[in-house]
């Protein structure tokens, strides 16, 4: 039976989202309905107020919960399973997926039709998820099995901050043993890029942020150096690396000036990976000759190039055995009722605020 629940709905660009009572349908064939237990608040959620492609839309894309219903033909997950929600799940059938490049899937999975209604009208969900709601309907492959002993408030972080940052370092780049690395921006995603570099056994891991407290936190995640972002950050990076620059730079903020500085700090053969989302009309000024003569690369990265069905479960195991730090990322917990005020403030304190929806 369809179920009523509350959800945070954005009705139009530039507006503040508000809590509404919506109806969530039963899952169709190949789909599951998940009771959301916790959802993380990502910078992308806040930015959606200005650049959502469709409204009205249920916000939220980083969550975890319990499978409450399954559609026909679904063998896994099963009712009662604990799952992390993947908002970017490869279809498995497009040209890139068939060629062994699922991280560049041309048609990520979504439900066959809208499964959330406001009154009599179907509404969209953010990034195939819509986690700021009591229930979500997803393709079964987007509900990733995780161990039952993992707290939901930590598991919620797996689906975006961890996947994007850790994947950028370990799957997309990838960083190799002994490489020098710079991470520009040490929020939730950037800190996971830092610890991905640690897990990859990078030599120097240079954290760059304008907030000294975040730089101190980055050191606990594995950074060997911290630089306060400013006009001299490129010179400082080159000083730390003996003049050569870094093998990998990650821009995790989405600012064009930081992208240009990321290029300037690359060593010969170095790669700048764009992880942060710029505005859609942003442009940068780059000189192509150094890319050719220095054999450098500029790459975009979505969702860390992870394989969600494998990696999210793996990351949960890494957290359980102490290899993956998540507790310091989770800096505040709020109720769903408190979420509109957070959006009104347009920024969250700390690194990751988590919304607790379940008991």
Protein backbone atom coordinates (compact mmCIF):
# COMPACT_ATOMS: atom_id res chain seq x y z
CA UNK A 1 0.00 0.00 0.00
CA UNK A 2 1.20 3.56 -0.68
CA UNK A 3 2.36 5.27 2.50
CA UNK A 4 2.17 8.85 3.71
CA UNK A 5 5.28 10.49 5.11
CA UNK A 6 6.80 13.91 5.57
CA UNK A 7 9.45 15.18 3.19
CA UNK A 8 11.46 18.35 2.57
CA UNK A 9 10.21 19.75 -0.73
CA UNK A 10 11.71 22.55 -2.82
CA UNK A 11 8.91 24.23 -4.79
CA UNK A 12 10.93 26.65 -6.90
CA UNK A 13 14.42 28.03 -7.53
CA UNK A 14 15.49 30.64 -5.01
CA UNK A 15 12.85 29.54 -2.53
CA UNK A 16 13.36 27.91 0.84
CA UNK A 17 12.24 24.27 0.98
CA UNK A 18 9.46 23.31 3.38
CA UNK A 19 8.14 20.17 4.99
CA UNK A 20 5.17 18.61 3.24
CA UNK A 21 3.14 15.45 3.63
CA UNK A 22 3.68 13.31 0.55
CA UNK A 23 2.59 9.86 -0.57
CA UNK A 24 5.23 7.28 -1.50
CA UNK A 25 4.06 4.50 -3.82
CA UNK A 26 4.63 0.79 -3.58
CA UNK A 27 7.75 -0.35 -5.43
CA UNK A 28 7.26 -1.55 -9.00
CA UNK A 29 9.10 -4.54 -10.50
CA UNK A 30 12.83 -4.23 -9.86
CA UNK A 31 12.37 -1.59 -7.15
CA UNK A 32 12.42 -1.42 -3.35
CA UNK A 33 10.99 0.92 -0.75
CA UNK A 34 13.37 1.93 2.02
CA UNK A 35 12.50 3.44 5.36
CA UNK A 36 15.09 6.18 5.71
CA UNK A 37 16.76 6.11 9.12
CA UNK A 38 19.35 8.85 8.61
CA UNK A 39 20.39 11.29 5.89
CA UNK A 40 23.45 13.51 5.60
CA UNK A 41 23.25 17.19 4.59
CA UNK A 42 25.64 17.80 1.72
CA UNK A 43 26.65 21.14 0.20
CA UNK A 44 24.95 19.92 -2.98
CA UNK A 45 21.62 19.75 -1.14
CA UNK A 46 21.96 23.40 -0.13
CA UNK A 47 23.02 24.41 -3.64
CA UNK A 48 19.94 22.75 -5.13
CA UNK A 49 17.90 25.78 -4.04
CA UNK A 50 19.65 27.69 -6.84
CA UNK A 51 20.18 25.12 -9.61
CA UNK A 52 17.64 22.28 -9.36
CA UNK A 53 16.65 21.24 -12.87
CA UNK A 54 13.10 20.30 -11.85
CA UNK A 55 10.72 21.54 -9.16
CA UNK A 56 8.92 20.63 -7.02
CA UNK A 57 11.48 18.12 -5.82
CA UNK A 58 12.15 16.15 -2.63
CA UNK A 59 15.65 17.05 -1.48
CA UNK A 60 18.38 14.81 -0.05
CA UNK A 61 20.64 12.23 -1.68
CA UNK A 62 22.93 10.83 1.06
CA UNK A 63 21.15 8.30 3.26
CA UNK A 64 20.74 4.88 4.79
CA UNK A 65 17.83 2.84 6.08
CA UNK A 66 15.92 -0.44 6.19
CA UNK A 67 14.22 -2.14 3.26
CA UNK A 68 10.49 -2.03 4.00
CA UNK A 69 8.99 -3.44 0.77
CA UNK A 70 10.26 -5.06 -2.44
CA UNK A 71 8.75 -5.11 -5.89
CA UNK A 72 8.17 -8.18 -8.07
CA UNK A 73 11.31 -9.90 -9.27
CA UNK A 74 13.62 -8.49 -6.58
CA UNK A 75 15.78 -11.17 -4.96
CA UNK A 76 18.12 -8.78 -3.18
CA UNK A 77 17.95 -6.79 -1.02
CA UNK A 78 15.25 -8.35 1.14
CA UNK A 79 12.76 -6.86 3.56
CA UNK A 80 14.58 -5.97 6.78
CA UNK A 81 18.01 -5.58 5.17
CA UNK A 82 20.09 -2.55 6.14
CA UNK A 83 21.16 -0.53 3.11
CA UNK A 84 23.08 2.56 2.07
CA UNK A 85 21.46 4.58 -0.70
CA UNK A 86 23.42 5.07 -3.93
CA UNK A 87 22.23 8.02 -6.01
CA UNK A 88 24.46 7.17 -8.99
CA UNK A 89 24.04 3.50 -9.90
CA UNK A 90 25.22 2.33 -13.36
CA UNK A 91 22.55 0.83 -15.59
CA UNK A 92 24.75 -2.07 -16.74
CA UNK A 93 23.34 -1.99 -20.28
CA UNK A 94 24.51 1.21 -22.00
CA UNK A 95 27.51 1.27 -24.33
CA UNK A 96 29.95 2.39 -21.63
CA UNK A 97 28.73 -0.15 -19.10
CA UNK A 98 29.00 -2.96 -21.65
CA UNK A 99 32.54 -1.79 -22.48
CA UNK A 100 33.61 -2.10 -18.85
CA UNK A 101 33.33 1.61 -18.05
CA UNK A 102 30.35 1.72 -15.66
CA UNK A 103 31.72 4.86 -13.96
CA UNK A 104 30.86 6.72 -17.19
CA UNK A 105 27.38 5.19 -17.45
CA UNK A 106 25.18 7.05 -19.93
CA UNK A 107 21.89 6.19 -18.21
CA UNK A 108 22.14 5.79 -14.43
CA UNK A 109 19.31 3.88 -12.82
CA UNK A 110 16.11 5.58 -11.73
CA UNK A 111 12.59 4.41 -11.03
CA UNK A 112 10.42 3.66 -14.05
CA UNK A 113 8.04 6.49 -13.10
CA UNK A 114 7.75 9.05 -10.28
CA UNK A 115 6.97 7.26 -7.02
CA UNK A 116 6.29 10.32 -4.82
CA UNK A 117 3.13 12.40 -4.97
CA UNK A 118 2.17 15.73 -3.41
CA UNK A 119 -1.59 15.65 -3.38
CA UNK A 120 -2.56 14.19 -6.74
CA UNK A 121 0.58 15.35 -8.55
CA UNK A 122 3.78 13.33 -8.99
CA UNK A 123 6.94 15.17 -7.95
CA UNK A 124 10.63 14.63 -8.60
CA UNK A 125 13.26 13.38 -6.17
CA UNK A 126 16.77 14.79 -6.00
CA UNK A 127 19.41 12.69 -7.75
CA UNK A 128 17.22 9.58 -7.94
CA UNK A 129 17.04 9.50 -4.13
CA UNK A 130 15.11 12.17 -2.22
CA UNK A 131 16.38 11.07 1.20
CA UNK A 132 14.92 13.94 3.24
CA UNK A 133 11.76 11.89 3.63
CA UNK A 134 10.57 9.04 5.80
CA UNK A 135 10.53 6.64 2.82
CA UNK A 136 12.10 6.44 -0.63
CA UNK A 137 11.53 4.12 -3.59
CA UNK A 138 14.66 3.12 -5.49
CA UNK A 139 15.86 0.67 -8.10
CA UNK A 140 16.90 -2.43 -6.14
CA UNK A 141 20.51 -2.01 -7.28
CA UNK A 142 20.60 1.44 -5.64
CA UNK A 143 19.92 -0.01 -2.17
CA UNK A 144 23.34 -1.36 -1.22
CA UNK A 145 23.56 -4.02 1.49
CA UNK A 146 25.63 -3.00 4.50
CA UNK A 147 26.48 -4.75 7.75
CA UNK A 148 23.82 -4.56 10.46
CA UNK A 149 26.18 -3.38 13.17
CA UNK A 150 26.93 -0.09 11.41
CA UNK A 151 25.10 2.92 12.91
CA UNK A 152 22.74 4.48 10.37
CA UNK A 153 24.03 7.97 11.12
CA UNK A 154 27.47 6.86 9.94
CA UNK A 155 26.19 4.66 7.11
CA UNK A 156 24.34 7.65 5.66
CA UNK A 157 27.68 9.30 4.90
CA UNK A 158 28.80 6.42 2.69
CA UNK A 159 26.50 7.36 -0.17
CA UNK A 160 28.08 10.69 -1.08
CA UNK A 161 30.86 12.21 1.09
CA UNK A 162 32.73 8.94 1.49
CA UNK A 163 32.06 7.53 -1.95
CA UNK A 164 33.01 10.72 -3.76
CA UNK A 165 36.13 11.61 -1.78
CA UNK A 166 37.52 8.15 -1.14
CA UNK A 167 36.71 7.04 -4.68
CA UNK A 168 38.41 10.07 -6.23
CA UNK A 169 41.66 9.09 -4.52
CA UNK A 170 41.47 5.30 -4.76
CA UNK A 171 39.40 4.61 -7.88
CA UNK A 172 39.52 7.59 -10.20
CA UNK A 173 43.06 8.99 -9.91
CA UNK A 174 44.31 6.54 -8.68
CA UNK A 175 47.00 7.64 -6.24
CA UNK A 176 50.02 5.34 -6.08
CA UNK A 177 52.40 4.51 -3.26
CA UNK A 178 54.80 7.44 -2.80
CA UNK A 179 52.84 10.05 -4.80
CA UNK A 180 52.57 13.64 -3.59
CA UNK A 181 49.00 14.90 -3.25
CA UNK A 182 47.22 18.23 -2.67
CA UNK A 183 43.56 18.37 -1.63
CA UNK A 184 41.95 21.79 -2.06
CA UNK A 185 38.95 22.03 0.26
CA UNK A 186 38.60 20.00 3.44
CA UNK A 187 34.88 19.59 3.95
CA UNK A 188 33.22 16.17 4.08
CA UNK A 189 34.33 15.13 0.60
CA UNK A 190 37.80 16.65 0.86
CA UNK A 191 38.56 14.94 4.16
CA UNK A 192 37.65 11.63 2.57
CA UNK A 193 39.99 12.42 -0.31
CA UNK A 194 42.69 13.02 2.28
CA UNK A 195 42.10 9.68 3.93
CA UNK A 196 41.91 8.02 0.54
CA UNK A 197 45.40 9.37 -0.12
CA UNK A 198 46.49 7.98 3.25
CA UNK A 199 45.09 4.56 2.42
CA UNK A 200 46.89 4.73 -0.95
CA UNK A 201 50.18 5.35 0.91
CA UNK A 202 50.86 8.78 -0.59
CA UNK A 203 54.14 10.36 0.53
CA UNK A 204 53.08 13.97 1.12
CA UNK A 205 49.40 14.80 1.59
CA UNK A 206 48.91 18.57 1.55
CA UNK A 207 45.54 19.77 2.83
CA UNK A 208 44.46 23.26 1.71
CA UNK A 209 41.56 25.15 3.27
CA UNK A 210 40.79 28.65 4.52
CA UNK A 211 39.70 27.29 7.91
CA UNK A 212 42.59 26.36 10.25
CA UNK A 213 40.29 24.08 12.27
CA UNK A 214 39.57 22.03 9.17
CA UNK A 215 43.27 21.82 8.44
CA UNK A 216 43.84 20.46 11.94
CA UNK A 217 41.09 17.89 11.34
CA UNK A 218 42.67 16.98 7.99
CA UNK A 219 45.86 16.02 9.80
CA UNK A 220 43.89 13.51 11.87
CA UNK A 221 42.65 12.01 8.58
CA UNK A 222 46.19 11.62 7.26
CA UNK A 223 47.39 14.98 5.93
CA UNK A 224 51.10 15.53 6.42
CA UNK A 225 50.95 19.29 5.75
CA UNK A 226 48.32 22.01 6.03
CA UNK A 227 48.21 25.26 4.04
CA UNK A 228 45.77 28.10 4.61
CA UNK A 229 44.22 28.90 1.23
CA UNK A 230 45.45 32.21 -0.15
CA UNK A 231 47.40 33.93 -2.88
CA UNK A 232 50.63 32.10 -2.03
CA UNK A 233 49.19 28.57 -1.83
CA UNK A 234 50.84 27.40 -5.07
CA UNK A 235 54.24 28.64 -3.92
CA UNK A 236 53.76 26.91 -0.58
CA UNK A 237 52.86 23.62 -2.26
CA UNK A 238 55.97 23.82 -4.41
CA UNK A 239 58.07 24.62 -1.36
CA UNK A 240 56.74 21.55 0.45
CA UNK A 241 57.51 19.36 -2.57
CA UNK A 242 60.99 20.69 -3.20
CA UNK A 243 59.84 22.69 -6.21
CA UNK A 244 58.45 19.82 -8.28
CA UNK A 245 54.75 20.16 -7.48
CA UNK A 246 52.28 17.35 -6.79
CA UNK A 247 51.44 14.22 -8.73
CA UNK A 248 47.75 14.65 -7.91
CA UNK A 249 45.72 17.72 -7.02
CA UNK A 250 42.01 17.48 -6.16
CA UNK A 251 39.80 20.55 -6.35
CA UNK A 252 36.87 19.78 -4.04
CA UNK A 253 35.25 23.22 -3.75
CA UNK A 254 34.04 24.10 -7.23
CA UNK A 255 35.70 27.53 -7.57
CA UNK A 256 37.28 28.46 -10.87
CA UNK A 257 40.22 30.31 -9.31
CA UNK A 258 41.06 27.21 -7.26
CA UNK A 259 40.93 25.09 -10.41
CA UNK A 260 43.49 27.38 -12.05
CA UNK A 261 45.72 27.21 -8.98
CA UNK A 262 45.34 23.44 -8.89
CA UNK A 263 46.80 23.30 -12.40
CA UNK A 264 49.68 25.55 -11.35
CA UNK A 265 50.73 23.21 -8.53
CA UNK A 266 51.04 20.08 -10.71
CA UNK A 267 54.33 18.29 -11.27
CA UNK A 268 55.36 16.94 -14.67
CA UNK A 269 52.87 14.20 -15.52
CA UNK A 270 50.54 15.41 -12.77
CA UNK A 271 46.76 15.24 -12.79
CA UNK A 272 44.16 17.70 -11.51
CA UNK A 273 40.88 16.00 -10.64
CA UNK A 274 37.75 18.15 -10.48
CA UNK A 275 35.53 16.88 -7.68
CA UNK A 276 33.71 20.03 -6.57
CA UNK A 277 30.74 21.21 -8.64
CA UNK A 278 31.11 24.66 -10.22
CA UNK A 279 28.14 26.69 -11.42
CA UNK A 280 26.91 25.44 -14.78
CA UNK A 281 28.10 28.56 -16.65
CA UNK A 282 31.55 28.76 -14.99
CA UNK A 283 34.63 29.08 -17.19
CA UNK A 284 38.35 28.87 -16.46
CA UNK A 285 41.40 30.26 -18.23
CA UNK A 286 44.02 27.61 -18.96
CA UNK A 287 47.14 27.58 -21.11
CA UNK A 288 47.15 24.35 -23.18
CA UNK A 289 50.90 24.27 -23.90
CA UNK A 290 51.95 23.14 -20.39
CA UNK A 291 49.47 20.26 -20.54
CA UNK A 292 51.19 19.07 -23.68
CA UNK A 293 54.81 19.76 -22.77
CA UNK A 294 54.47 18.68 -19.13
CA UNK A 295 52.22 15.72 -20.03
CA UNK A 296 49.61 16.78 -17.51
CA UNK A 297 45.91 15.87 -17.26
CA UNK A 298 42.70 17.59 -16.21
CA UNK A 299 39.88 15.18 -15.35
CA UNK A 300 36.33 15.39 -14.09
CA UNK A 301 35.13 12.90 -11.48
CA UNK A 302 31.56 12.01 -10.49
CA UNK A 303 30.86 9.84 -7.44
CA UNK A 304 34.50 8.84 -7.18
CA UNK A 305 34.23 6.36 -10.08
CA UNK A 306 33.16 3.78 -7.50
CA UNK A 307 31.29 0.54 -8.15
CA UNK A 308 28.45 1.18 -5.66
CA UNK A 309 27.34 -2.41 -5.19
CA UNK A 310 30.85 -3.44 -4.16
CA UNK A 311 32.45 -0.33 -2.73
CA UNK A 312 29.79 0.96 -0.32
CA UNK A 313 29.70 -2.41 1.45
CA UNK A 314 33.51 -2.49 1.44
CA UNK A 315 33.73 1.00 2.95
CA UNK A 316 31.33 -0.09 5.70
CA UNK A 317 33.69 -2.96 6.50
CA UNK A 318 36.66 -0.57 6.55
CA UNK A 319 34.82 1.58 9.08
CA UNK A 320 34.12 -1.45 11.27
CA UNK A 321 37.78 -2.51 11.31
CA UNK A 322 39.05 1.01 12.04
CA UNK A 323 40.68 1.78 8.70
CA UNK A 324 38.07 4.36 7.66
CA UNK A 325 37.38 7.38 9.87
CA UNK A 326 33.75 8.51 9.90
CA UNK A 327 32.98 9.60 13.45
CA UNK A 328 34.87 12.95 13.17
CA UNK A 329 32.86 13.79 10.02
CA UNK A 330 29.56 13.54 11.88
CA UNK A 331 29.53 16.81 13.77
CA UNK A 332 25.81 17.41 14.43
CA UNK A 333 22.52 15.52 14.52
CA UNK A 334 19.15 17.17 13.95
CA UNK A 335 15.54 16.10 13.52
CA UNK A 336 13.59 16.47 10.29
CA UNK A 337 11.69 19.35 11.87
CA UNK A 338 14.98 21.25 12.21
CA UNK A 339 15.99 20.87 8.58
CA UNK A 340 14.18 23.91 7.09
CA UNK A 341 16.04 26.19 9.52
CA UNK A 342 19.36 24.75 8.37
CA UNK A 343 18.49 25.58 4.76
CA UNK A 344 17.40 29.07 5.80
CA UNK A 345 20.85 29.61 7.31
CA UNK A 346 22.35 28.43 3.95
CA UNK A 347 25.28 26.79 5.69
CA UNK A 348 25.85 24.03 8.21
CA UNK A 349 28.26 24.19 11.08
CA UNK A 350 30.97 21.56 11.36
CA UNK A 351 31.59 19.02 8.62
CA UNK A 352 28.46 16.90 8.25
CA UNK A 353 25.06 17.42 9.81
CA UNK A 354 23.00 14.23 9.85
CA UNK A 355 19.21 14.18 9.95
CA UNK A 356 17.84 11.40 12.11
CA UNK A 357 14.54 10.14 10.68
CA UNK A 358 14.24 6.78 12.44
CA UNK A 359 14.22 5.94 16.15
